[in-house]
């Protein structure tokens, strides 16, 4: 199956050196990301799970391509619920 996905992805690489085939790879799975990145070197990765869900900054390097780009790191819960880590004064500013 991986060979078929790699073949399809390589056939759709566009002018910016990225494929039409992307991947969603959780930030808490860096070892799996390393394997998937080898299979899909020209794909953009969406990486949910950073921050409050357990993904660590020091593990994110493997999600990016050889040029240090090609991944979108998501920290939605950390942003949405950031007020919960503060005191109750945030409510007074509304």
Protein backbone atom coordinates (compact mmCIF):
# COMPACT_ATOMS: atom_id res chain seq x y z
CA UNK A 1 0.00 0.00 0.00
CA UNK A 2 2.80 2.44 0.87
CA UNK A 3 4.34 1.92 -2.56
CA UNK A 4 1.05 2.80 -4.25
CA UNK A 5 0.65 5.96 -2.19
CA UNK A 6 4.26 6.96 -2.90
CA UNK A 7 3.76 6.39 -6.62
CA UNK A 8 0.58 8.45 -6.71
CA UNK A 9 2.17 11.24 -4.67
CA UNK A 10 5.24 11.38 -6.90
CA UNK A 11 3.05 11.69 -10.01
CA UNK A 12 1.29 14.76 -8.64
CA UNK A 13 4.28 16.90 -7.62
CA UNK A 14 3.61 20.43 -8.82
CA UNK A 15 5.74 23.47 -9.60
CA UNK A 16 6.37 24.17 -5.91
CA UNK A 17 7.73 20.64 -5.38
CA UNK A 18 4.72 19.47 -3.38
CA UNK A 19 2.29 16.69 -4.15
CA UNK A 20 -1.49 16.88 -4.18
CA UNK A 21 -1.32 14.08 -1.60
CA UNK A 22 -0.99 15.28 1.99
CA UNK A 23 -0.98 13.55 5.36
CA UNK A 24 -2.38 14.17 8.83
CA UNK A 25 0.18 12.90 11.33
CA UNK A 26 -0.29 13.46 15.06
CA UNK A 27 2.45 15.39 16.86
CA UNK A 28 2.53 12.66 19.52
CA UNK A 29 3.79 10.14 16.92
CA UNK A 30 7.21 11.41 15.77
CA UNK A 31 8.59 7.93 14.97
CA UNK A 32 5.66 7.23 12.66
CA UNK A 33 6.13 10.68 11.12
CA UNK A 34 9.75 9.82 10.31
CA UNK A 35 8.62 6.74 8.37
CA UNK A 36 5.78 8.55 6.61
CA UNK A 37 8.06 11.46 5.65
CA UNK A 38 10.41 8.98 3.94
CA UNK A 39 7.46 7.62 1.97
CA UNK A 40 6.00 11.06 1.20
CA UNK A 41 8.95 13.46 0.86
CA UNK A 42 6.93 15.92 -1.26
CA UNK A 43 3.76 16.01 0.82
CA UNK A 44 2.53 18.66 3.21
CA UNK A 45 1.82 17.33 6.69
CA UNK A 46 -0.92 18.65 8.94
CA UNK A 47 0.31 18.02 12.48
CA UNK A 48 -2.38 18.26 15.18
CA UNK A 49 -1.74 17.50 18.81
CA UNK A 50 1.02 19.96 19.64
CA UNK A 51 1.08 21.40 23.15
CA UNK A 52 -1.73 20.55 25.51
CA UNK A 53 -2.36 17.23 23.75
CA UNK A 54 1.21 16.08 24.35
CA UNK A 55 3.18 16.94 21.20
CA UNK A 56 6.56 18.47 22.05
CA UNK A 57 8.55 21.05 20.10
CA UNK A 58 11.73 18.97 20.27
CA UNK A 59 9.96 16.16 18.38
CA UNK A 60 8.66 18.25 15.47
CA UNK A 61 11.75 18.23 13.25
CA UNK A 62 10.85 14.89 11.62
CA UNK A 63 7.55 16.27 10.35
CA UNK A 64 9.26 18.78 8.05
CA UNK A 65 10.82 18.01 4.69
CA UNK A 66 14.51 18.21 3.77
CA UNK A 67 14.18 22.01 3.32
CA UNK A 68 12.72 22.51 6.80
CA UNK A 69 9.23 23.27 5.47
CA UNK A 70 6.21 21.23 4.42
CA UNK A 71 4.37 20.91 7.74
CA UNK A 72 1.59 22.87 9.42
CA UNK A 73 1.68 22.48 13.20
CA UNK A 74 -1.66 22.87 14.96
CA UNK A 75 -2.13 23.91 18.57
CA UNK A 76 -5.85 24.58 18.53
CA UNK A 77 -6.67 23.40 22.04
CA UNK A 78 -3.74 25.30 23.49
CA UNK A 79 -5.07 28.48 21.93
CA UNK A 80 -8.79 27.94 22.53
CA UNK A 81 -8.33 27.01 26.18
CA UNK A 82 -5.34 29.21 27.01
CA UNK A 83 -7.48 31.33 29.33
CA UNK A 84 -7.89 28.32 31.63
CA UNK A 85 -4.23 28.55 32.62
CA UNK A 86 -4.67 32.09 33.89
CA UNK A 87 -6.41 33.58 36.86
CA UNK A 88 -9.99 34.82 36.74
CA UNK A 89 -8.95 38.40 35.80
CA UNK A 90 -9.35 37.58 32.10
CA UNK A 91 -13.11 37.84 32.54
CA UNK A 92 -12.88 41.49 33.71
CA UNK A 93 -11.32 42.63 30.41
CA UNK A 94 -14.47 41.96 28.37
